[in-house]
């Protein structure tokens, strides 16, 4: 096995079980080492630290796999890791009202660079690391053996692959090609998911619990759902007694899918209005026309892809939430979210406090939201905690 030695004093994070080794921590690299190779990582004295996957083209030069020198990452090791991830979600797989969830969550499940989502009888995988690219046949074979899906589709089209020196790729890896629409169920609500052309891998199953929790406050209220996508929050609040829902998204496909999901669930279309528009522009238009709401949901895309963009993102989050606060009736509720890992909860609360101050409002935080258990947060990898949200009462 190839050996990589770390610089003196640069092994602390690795010894504390953090799965990333950055290129600047590496002292020596063998000449015949290739991207995607499995390597043994040692310190300056030659002591074993961990096994990992190497990639010279990535800032994260080594993605660590196991810190046990006796557990060589061979084929049986990979298959066992996949088995453990799926077994940990067995109780979620065997429910009647939900058949969509995340089966493998990359570093959090000790499988760096690999994401697997379940949509009914179909699986969607994303591969974001060169080492994972090599073992893709093992991944597909083990998933097929364990779950017997109708089809496995790859959506490795995120920019993260370019940072790994990998081309973007989509396509069938096993079974049949998914139809244009795959029907799934979440919290007893049915959705049409476009696996091939939808955002991310087709659906945002990370908001499953938060949609249900937010809907508990919706009865009798006029609700505004911003960045509604295919209607996750809109459908939940309508199903739980909202008086009216206005849903806004800039994507024509999202609005088309939302309208189809309304029909699919037999919900009263007279209580829902879908608007295709830029959210910030629409919020300004609502303010100009004197519109008011009892509950506003803000679930924007990632504003801070890295820590270097955090200051700019904080300003964007503040402005968005300020506009939302100005549209709320006295005593109204704001359910607001950030999916930026670079923004922690403390910073997010501060941003909301600034937004409230600028809006001339006083707010109380009455509930905190996070990602569900199929998106676990590994203690040694806090970067995996990306989704956070706050339910605010506005005075």
Protein backbone atom coordinates (compact mmCIF):
# COMPACT_ATOMS: atom_id res chain seq x y z
CA UNK A 1 0.00 0.00 0.00
CA UNK A 2 1.10 3.56 -0.73
CA UNK A 3 2.25 5.56 2.27
CA UNK A 4 1.79 9.29 2.84
CA UNK A 5 3.62 11.07 5.64
CA UNK A 6 2.16 14.15 7.27
CA UNK A 7 4.15 17.20 8.32
CA UNK A 8 5.17 17.59 11.92
CA UNK A 9 2.34 19.07 13.94
CA UNK A 10 -0.19 18.60 11.12
CA UNK A 11 -1.60 15.30 12.33
CA UNK A 12 -3.75 16.56 15.22
CA UNK A 13 -7.07 16.74 13.33
CA UNK A 14 -6.52 13.31 11.79
CA UNK A 15 -5.80 11.80 15.21
CA UNK A 16 -9.02 13.38 16.47
CA UNK A 17 -10.90 11.41 13.78
CA UNK A 18 -11.61 14.30 11.45
CA UNK A 19 -11.97 12.70 7.99
CA UNK A 20 -10.21 15.38 5.93
CA UNK A 21 -6.48 15.89 5.40
CA UNK A 22 -5.70 19.04 3.45
CA UNK A 23 -2.90 19.17 0.89
CA UNK A 24 -0.85 21.56 3.02
CA UNK A 25 -0.50 18.93 5.76
CA UNK A 26 1.30 16.42 3.52
CA UNK A 27 5.07 16.10 3.76
CA UNK A 28 5.86 13.44 1.17
CA UNK A 29 3.99 11.83 -1.72
CA UNK A 30 5.26 8.80 -3.64
CA UNK A 31 5.88 9.39 -7.34
CA UNK A 32 3.77 6.46 -8.51
CA UNK A 33 0.71 7.48 -6.50
CA UNK A 34 -2.47 8.03 -8.53
CA UNK A 35 -5.65 9.92 -7.78
CA UNK A 36 -8.19 7.63 -6.13
CA UNK A 37 -5.56 5.30 -4.63
CA UNK A 38 -6.05 3.97 -1.11
CA UNK A 39 -3.18 5.13 1.10
CA UNK A 40 -1.79 4.56 4.55
CA UNK A 41 -1.29 7.83 6.45
CA UNK A 42 1.58 8.05 8.96
CA UNK A 43 3.14 10.74 11.13
CA UNK A 44 6.73 11.96 11.14
CA UNK A 45 7.84 9.08 13.34
CA UNK A 46 6.26 6.51 11.02
CA UNK A 47 3.35 5.71 13.32
CA UNK A 48 0.11 4.64 11.64
CA UNK A 49 -2.77 7.15 11.76
CA UNK A 50 -5.41 5.97 9.29
CA UNK A 51 -6.24 4.63 5.85
CA UNK A 52 -7.70 7.02 3.29
CA UNK A 53 -8.38 7.92 -0.35
CA UNK A 54 -5.88 10.20 -2.08
CA UNK A 55 -6.52 12.87 -4.71
CA UNK A 56 -3.83 15.32 -5.77
CA UNK A 57 -6.36 17.57 -7.53
CA UNK A 58 -8.46 18.26 -4.46
CA UNK A 59 -7.78 20.68 -1.61
CA UNK A 60 -8.94 17.80 0.59
CA UNK A 61 -6.04 15.62 -0.53
CA UNK A 62 -6.94 12.60 1.64
CA UNK A 63 -10.39 11.49 2.79
CA UNK A 64 -9.83 9.23 5.76
CA UNK A 65 -11.76 5.96 6.05
CA UNK A 66 -10.69 4.01 9.11
CA UNK A 67 -8.28 4.52 11.99
CA UNK A 68 -7.92 0.80 12.68
CA UNK A 69 -4.72 -0.55 11.11
CA UNK A 70 -6.27 -4.04 10.98
CA UNK A 71 -9.28 -2.88 8.93
CA UNK A 72 -7.90 -2.66 5.43
CA UNK A 73 -10.45 -0.92 3.15
CA UNK A 74 -10.95 -3.82 0.76
CA UNK A 75 -14.14 -4.86 -1.01
CA UNK A 76 -15.65 -6.53 2.06
CA UNK A 77 -14.94 -3.39 4.11
CA UNK A 78 -16.82 -1.21 1.61
CA UNK A 79 -19.76 -3.58 1.46
CA UNK A 80 -19.93 -3.72 5.25
CA UNK A 81 -20.00 0.07 5.50
CA UNK A 82 -22.89 0.27 3.03
CA UNK A 83 -24.73 -2.42 4.96
CA UNK A 84 -24.28 -0.53 8.23
CA UNK A 85 -25.62 2.73 6.79
CA UNK A 86 -28.76 1.10 5.47
CA UNK A 87 -29.28 -1.00 8.61
CA UNK A 88 -29.18 2.19 10.71
CA UNK A 89 -32.19 3.47 8.74
CA UNK A 90 -34.17 0.24 8.79
CA UNK A 91 -36.87 1.72 11.03
CA UNK A 92 -37.31 4.58 8.55
CA UNK A 93 -37.45 2.25 5.55
CA UNK A 94 -40.29 0.23 7.03
CA UNK A 95 -42.89 2.99 7.41
CA UNK A 96 -46.13 3.28 5.47
CA UNK A 97 -46.26 7.05 5.17
CA UNK A 98 -42.69 7.72 3.97
CA UNK A 99 -40.73 5.96 1.22
CA UNK A 100 -38.15 8.63 0.44
CA UNK A 101 -35.04 9.29 2.55
CA UNK A 102 -31.25 9.49 2.49
CA UNK A 103 -29.58 6.10 2.79
CA UNK A 104 -25.93 7.21 2.78
CA UNK A 105 -24.71 10.66 3.82
CA UNK A 106 -21.05 10.78 2.79
CA UNK A 107 -18.56 11.50 5.59
CA UNK A 108 -21.29 11.30 8.24
CA UNK A 109 -21.72 7.61 7.33
CA UNK A 110 -17.96 7.00 6.98
CA UNK A 111 -18.29 6.85 3.18
CA UNK A 112 -16.72 10.15 2.08
CA UNK A 113 -17.94 11.58 -1.20
CA UNK A 114 -20.93 9.23 -1.54
CA UNK A 115 -24.60 10.17 -1.26
CA UNK A 116 -27.47 7.75 -1.87
CA UNK A 117 -31.14 8.81 -1.81
CA UNK A 118 -34.19 6.57 -2.03
CA UNK A 119 -37.23 7.63 -4.04
CA UNK A 120 -39.82 4.89 -3.84
CA UNK A 121 -38.42 1.97 -5.81
CA UNK A 122 -35.53 4.00 -7.28
CA UNK A 123 -32.14 4.97 -5.88
CA UNK A 124 -30.14 8.04 -6.85
CA UNK A 125 -26.42 8.20 -6.13
CA UNK A 126 -23.98 11.10 -6.19
CA UNK A 127 -20.22 10.47 -6.24
CA UNK A 128 -18.04 13.44 -5.29
CA UNK A 129 -14.64 11.84 -4.65
CA UNK A 130 -12.11 10.17 -6.95
CA UNK A 131 -11.68 7.16 -4.66
CA UNK A 132 -15.44 6.55 -4.62
CA UNK A 133 -15.51 6.73 -8.40
CA UNK A 134 -13.25 3.69 -8.52
CA UNK A 135 -15.48 1.53 -6.34
CA UNK A 136 -18.75 2.57 -7.99
CA UNK A 137 -19.34 -0.97 -9.32
CA UNK A 138 -19.13 -2.33 -5.76
CA UNK A 139 -21.54 0.34 -4.52
CA UNK A 140 -24.09 -0.44 -7.23
CA UNK A 141 -23.80 -4.18 -6.73
CA UNK A 142 -24.25 -3.97 -2.95
CA UNK A 143 -27.19 -1.57 -3.17
CA UNK A 144 -28.84 -3.89 -5.70
CA UNK A 145 -28.26 -6.91 -3.48
CA UNK A 146 -29.62 -5.21 -0.35
CA UNK A 147 -32.60 -3.29 -1.74
CA UNK A 148 -33.43 -4.70 -5.19
CA UNK A 149 -34.46 -1.28 -6.59
CA UNK A 150 -36.19 -0.95 -9.95
CA UNK A 151 -33.38 1.33 -11.01
CA UNK A 152 -30.22 3.11 -9.83
CA UNK A 153 -29.60 6.51 -11.40
CA UNK A 154 -26.45 8.63 -11.03
CA UNK A 155 -26.71 12.40 -10.56
CA UNK A 156 -23.01 13.22 -10.18
CA UNK A 157 -23.47 16.65 -11.70
CA UNK A 158 -22.52 18.93 -8.79
CA UNK A 159 -19.61 21.36 -9.02
CA UNK A 160 -17.86 19.44 -6.23
CA UNK A 161 -16.74 16.89 -8.83
CA UNK A 162 -14.80 19.51 -10.74
CA UNK A 163 -12.78 20.24 -7.58
CA UNK A 164 -11.88 16.53 -7.57
CA UNK A 165 -10.83 16.57 -11.24
CA UNK A 166 -13.84 14.46 -12.18
CA UNK A 167 -16.19 15.08 -15.12
CA UNK A 168 -19.90 15.64 -14.51
CA UNK A 169 -21.94 12.56 -15.27
CA UNK A 170 -25.57 11.42 -15.22
CA UNK A 171 -27.09 8.12 -16.24
CA UNK A 172 -28.45 4.69 -15.38
CA UNK A 173 -26.12 2.48 -13.34
CA UNK A 174 -28.50 -0.41 -12.77
CA UNK A 175 -32.04 -1.54 -13.53
CA UNK A 176 -34.36 0.62 -15.62
CA UNK A 177 -34.26 4.31 -16.46
CA UNK A 178 -36.57 6.23 -14.10
CA UNK A 179 -39.76 7.56 -15.68
CA UNK A 180 -40.20 11.31 -16.03
CA UNK A 181 -42.07 11.33 -12.72
CA UNK A 182 -41.55 8.98 -9.78
CA UNK A 183 -44.26 9.11 -7.13
CA UNK A 184 -43.11 9.08 -3.50
CA UNK A 185 -44.72 9.58 -0.11
CA UNK A 186 -43.44 11.69 2.80
CA UNK A 187 -45.40 12.20 6.02
CA UNK A 188 -48.37 10.68 4.21
CA UNK A 189 -48.24 13.34 1.48
CA UNK A 190 -47.56 12.25 -2.09
CA UNK A 191 -45.09 13.95 -4.43
CA UNK A 192 -44.06 13.64 -8.04
CA UNK A 193 -40.25 13.66 -8.23
CA UNK A 194 -38.27 14.31 -11.40
CA UNK A 195 -35.09 12.34 -10.70
CA UNK A 196 -33.32 13.23 -13.94
CA UNK A 197 -33.98 17.00 -14.13
CA UNK A 198 -35.01 17.99 -10.58
CA UNK A 199 -32.81 20.02 -8.24
CA UNK A 200 -30.09 18.11 -6.38
CA UNK A 201 -31.10 14.45 -6.67
CA UNK A 202 -34.74 15.29 -7.33
CA UNK A 203 -36.20 16.24 -3.94
CA UNK A 204 -35.21 17.75 -0.58
CA UNK A 205 -35.85 14.95 1.89
CA UNK A 206 -33.76 16.74 4.54
CA UNK A 207 -36.76 18.95 5.42
CA UNK A 208 -39.09 16.02 6.11
CA UNK A 209 -39.41 16.55 9.88
CA UNK A 210 -39.29 20.35 9.67
CA UNK A 211 -42.21 20.42 7.22
CA UNK A 212 -44.30 18.44 9.66
CA UNK A 213 -43.28 20.55 12.68
CA UNK A 214 -43.99 23.82 10.87
CA UNK A 215 -47.41 22.61 9.72
CA UNK A 216 -48.47 22.25 13.37
CA UNK A 217 -48.72 26.06 13.51
CA UNK A 218 -50.62 26.52 10.24
CA UNK A 219 -54.28 25.89 11.11
CA UNK A 220 -56.45 28.84 10.13
CA UNK A 221 -53.48 30.93 8.98
CA UNK A 222 -52.60 32.71 5.75
CA UNK A 223 -49.21 31.28 4.80
CA UNK A 224 -46.44 32.46 2.45
CA UNK A 225 -44.03 29.72 1.31
CA UNK A 226 -40.91 31.18 -0.35
CA UNK A 227 -38.53 29.04 -2.41
CA UNK A 228 -41.35 26.50 -2.37
CA UNK A 229 -39.79 24.12 -4.96
CA UNK A 230 -42.22 21.20 -5.43
CA UNK A 231 -44.38 22.25 -2.48
CA UNK A 232 -43.04 20.42 0.55
CA UNK A 233 -44.05 23.08 3.07
CA UNK A 234 -47.07 24.27 1.08
CA UNK A 235 -48.66 20.82 0.92
CA UNK A 236 -48.00 20.10 4.59
CA UNK A 237 -49.55 23.34 5.87
CA UNK A 238 -52.59 22.91 3.61
CA UNK A 239 -53.04 19.34 4.83
CA UNK A 240 -52.97 20.68 8.41
CA UNK A 241 -55.65 23.33 7.98
CA UNK A 242 -54.03 26.47 6.59
CA UNK A 243 -56.65 28.99 5.45
CA UNK A 244 -54.64 30.03 2.39
CA UNK A 245 -51.14 29.42 0.99
CA UNK A 246 -49.19 31.57 -1.46
CA UNK A 247 -46.18 29.66 -2.90
CA UNK A 248 -43.30 31.42 -4.67
CA UNK A 249 -40.39 29.98 -6.67
CA UNK A 250 -38.35 31.21 -9.64
CA UNK A 251 -38.38 27.79 -11.34
CA UNK A 252 -41.11 27.01 -13.85
CA UNK A 253 -40.54 23.27 -13.29
CA UNK A 254 -40.97 23.75 -9.54
CA UNK A 255 -44.29 25.55 -9.96
CA UNK A 256 -45.49 22.95 -12.49
CA UNK A 257 -44.56 20.16 -10.06
CA UNK A 258 -46.23 21.91 -7.13
CA UNK A 259 -49.49 22.27 -9.07
CA UNK A 260 -49.36 18.59 -10.03
CA UNK A 261 -48.73 17.63 -6.39
CA UNK A 262 -51.78 19.65 -5.32
CA UNK A 263 -53.94 17.56 -7.64
CA UNK A 264 -52.18 14.33 -6.64
CA UNK A 265 -53.13 14.92 -2.99
CA UNK A 266 -56.67 16.09 -3.69
CA UNK A 267 -56.08 19.40 -1.94
CA UNK A 268 -58.37 22.39 -2.40
CA UNK A 269 -56.82 24.46 -5.20
CA UNK A 270 -58.87 27.53 -4.26
CA UNK A 271 -56.76 27.82 -1.08
CA UNK A 272 -53.44 27.91 -2.91
CA UNK A 273 -51.78 30.38 -5.27
CA UNK A 274 -48.50 29.54 -7.02
CA UNK A 275 -46.34 32.40 -8.29
CA UNK A 276 -43.28 31.97 -10.51
CA UNK A 277 -41.03 34.89 -9.59
CA UNK A 278 -37.76 35.90 -8.01
CA UNK A 279 -38.47 35.71 -4.28
CA UNK A 280 -36.82 38.98 -3.28
CA UNK A 281 -38.64 40.90 -6.02
CA UNK A 282 -41.92 39.27 -5.05
CA UNK A 283 -41.43 40.17 -1.39
CA UNK A 284 -40.95 43.80 -2.41
CA UNK A 285 -44.12 43.59 -4.55
CA UNK A 286 -46.09 42.18 -1.61
CA UNK A 287 -44.88 45.02 0.60
CA UNK A 288 -45.86 47.62 -1.99
CA UNK A 289 -49.38 46.19 -2.30
CA UNK A 290 -49.89 45.91 1.47
CA UNK A 291 -50.07 42.09 1.60
CA UNK A 292 -49.83 40.50 5.05
CA UNK A 293 -49.40 36.92 6.26
CA UNK A 294 -49.73 35.00 9.52
CA UNK A 295 -46.92 32.49 8.81
CA UNK A 296 -44.01 32.96 6.42
CA UNK A 297 -41.59 30.19 5.43
CA UNK A 298 -38.17 31.13 4.02
CA UNK A 299 -36.13 28.16 2.75
CA UNK A 300 -33.54 29.69 0.38
CA UNK A 301 -30.73 27.92 -1.48
CA UNK A 302 -27.21 27.83 -0.06
CA UNK A 303 -25.97 31.43 0.25
CA UNK A 304 -22.59 30.54 1.83
CA UNK A 305 -20.84 27.66 0.02
CA UNK A 306 -17.66 28.36 2.04
CA UNK A 307 -16.47 30.37 5.04
CA UNK A 308 -14.92 32.96 2.72
CA UNK A 309 -18.42 33.85 1.47
CA UNK A 310 -20.01 33.99 4.93
CA UNK A 311 -20.03 37.79 5.32
CA UNK A 312 -21.73 38.28 1.95
CA UNK A 313 -24.18 35.48 2.74
CA UNK A 314 -25.03 36.96 6.15
CA UNK A 315 -26.05 40.20 4.44
CA UNK A 316 -28.24 38.26 1.99
CA UNK A 317 -29.89 36.26 4.79
CA UNK A 318 -30.47 39.44 6.78
CA UNK A 319 -32.09 41.26 3.88
CA UNK A 320 -34.30 38.30 2.99
CA UNK A 321 -35.52 37.87 6.55
CA UNK A 322 -36.03 41.61 7.02
CA UNK A 323 -38.36 41.63 4.02
CA UNK A 324 -40.21 38.62 5.41
CA UNK A 325 -40.63 40.19 8.85
CA UNK A 326 -42.17 43.32 7.34
CA UNK A 327 -44.96 41.22 5.77
CA UNK A 328 -46.08 39.52 8.99
CA UNK A 329 -49.20 40.36 10.95
CA UNK A 330 -48.60 41.25 14.64
CA UNK A 331 -47.99 38.00 16.51
CA UNK A 332 -47.15 36.24 13.24
CA UNK A 333 -44.62 33.44 12.81
CA UNK A 334 -41.49 33.25 10.67
CA UNK A 335 -40.03 29.80 9.89
CA UNK A 336 -36.63 30.55 8.40
CA UNK A 337 -33.83 28.22 7.29
CA UNK A 338 -30.21 28.13 6.18
CA UNK A 339 -28.60 25.16 4.42
CA UNK A 340 -25.12 26.75 4.53
CA UNK A 341 -22.74 24.66 6.64
CA UNK A 342 -20.48 27.71 7.04
CA UNK A 343 -23.23 29.48 9.01
CA UNK A 344 -23.67 28.01 12.49
CA UNK A 345 -26.79 28.43 14.60
CA UNK A 346 -25.32 31.19 16.77
CA UNK A 347 -24.46 33.26 13.68
CA UNK A 348 -27.86 32.57 12.17
CA UNK A 349 -29.58 33.83 15.33
CA UNK A 350 -27.47 36.98 15.21
CA UNK A 351 -28.45 37.55 11.59
CA UNK A 352 -32.12 37.23 12.55
CA UNK A 353 -31.62 39.69 15.41
CA UNK A 354 -30.11 42.22 12.98
CA UNK A 355 -32.95 41.66 10.51
CA UNK A 356 -35.53 42.24 13.24
CA UNK A 357 -33.77 45.41 14.38
CA UNK A 358 -33.73 46.80 10.84
CA UNK A 359 -37.41 45.88 10.41
CA UNK A 360 -38.35 47.55 13.69
CA UNK A 361 -39.63 44.24 15.07
CA UNK A 362 -39.10 42.30 18.28
CA UNK A 363 -38.77 38.53 17.84
CA UNK A 364 -38.71 35.45 20.07
CA UNK A 365 -37.10 32.17 19.04
CA UNK A 366 -39.67 29.51 19.95
CA UNK A 367 -38.30 26.46 18.11
CA UNK A 368 -35.03 25.34 16.51
CA UNK A 369 -34.92 23.10 13.46
CA UNK A 370 -32.15 20.79 12.26
CA UNK A 371 -31.59 18.00 9.74
CA UNK A 372 -33.33 14.63 10.29
CA UNK A 373 -31.69 11.44 11.51
CA UNK A 374 -31.06 10.09 8.01
CA UNK A 375 -28.71 13.09 7.67
CA UNK A 376 -26.65 12.34 10.83
CA UNK A 377 -24.02 14.70 12.22
CA UNK A 378 -20.75 12.95 13.01
CA UNK A 379 -19.15 14.23 16.22
CA UNK A 380 -15.69 14.46 14.62
CA UNK A 381 -17.06 16.15 11.49
CA UNK A 382 -19.06 19.26 12.44
CA UNK A 383 -18.99 20.38 8.81
CA UNK A 384 -21.76 17.84 8.22
CA UNK A 385 -24.19 19.99 10.23
CA UNK A 386 -25.49 22.17 7.43
CA UNK A 387 -29.26 22.57 7.88
CA UNK A 388 -30.58 24.79 10.64
CA UNK A 389 -33.74 26.75 11.12
CA UNK A 390 -35.63 28.94 13.57
CA UNK A 391 -39.30 29.48 14.26
CA UNK A 392 -39.72 33.07 15.38
CA UNK A 393 -42.71 34.76 16.96
CA UNK A 394 -42.83 38.35 15.77
CA UNK A 395 -44.13 41.22 17.91
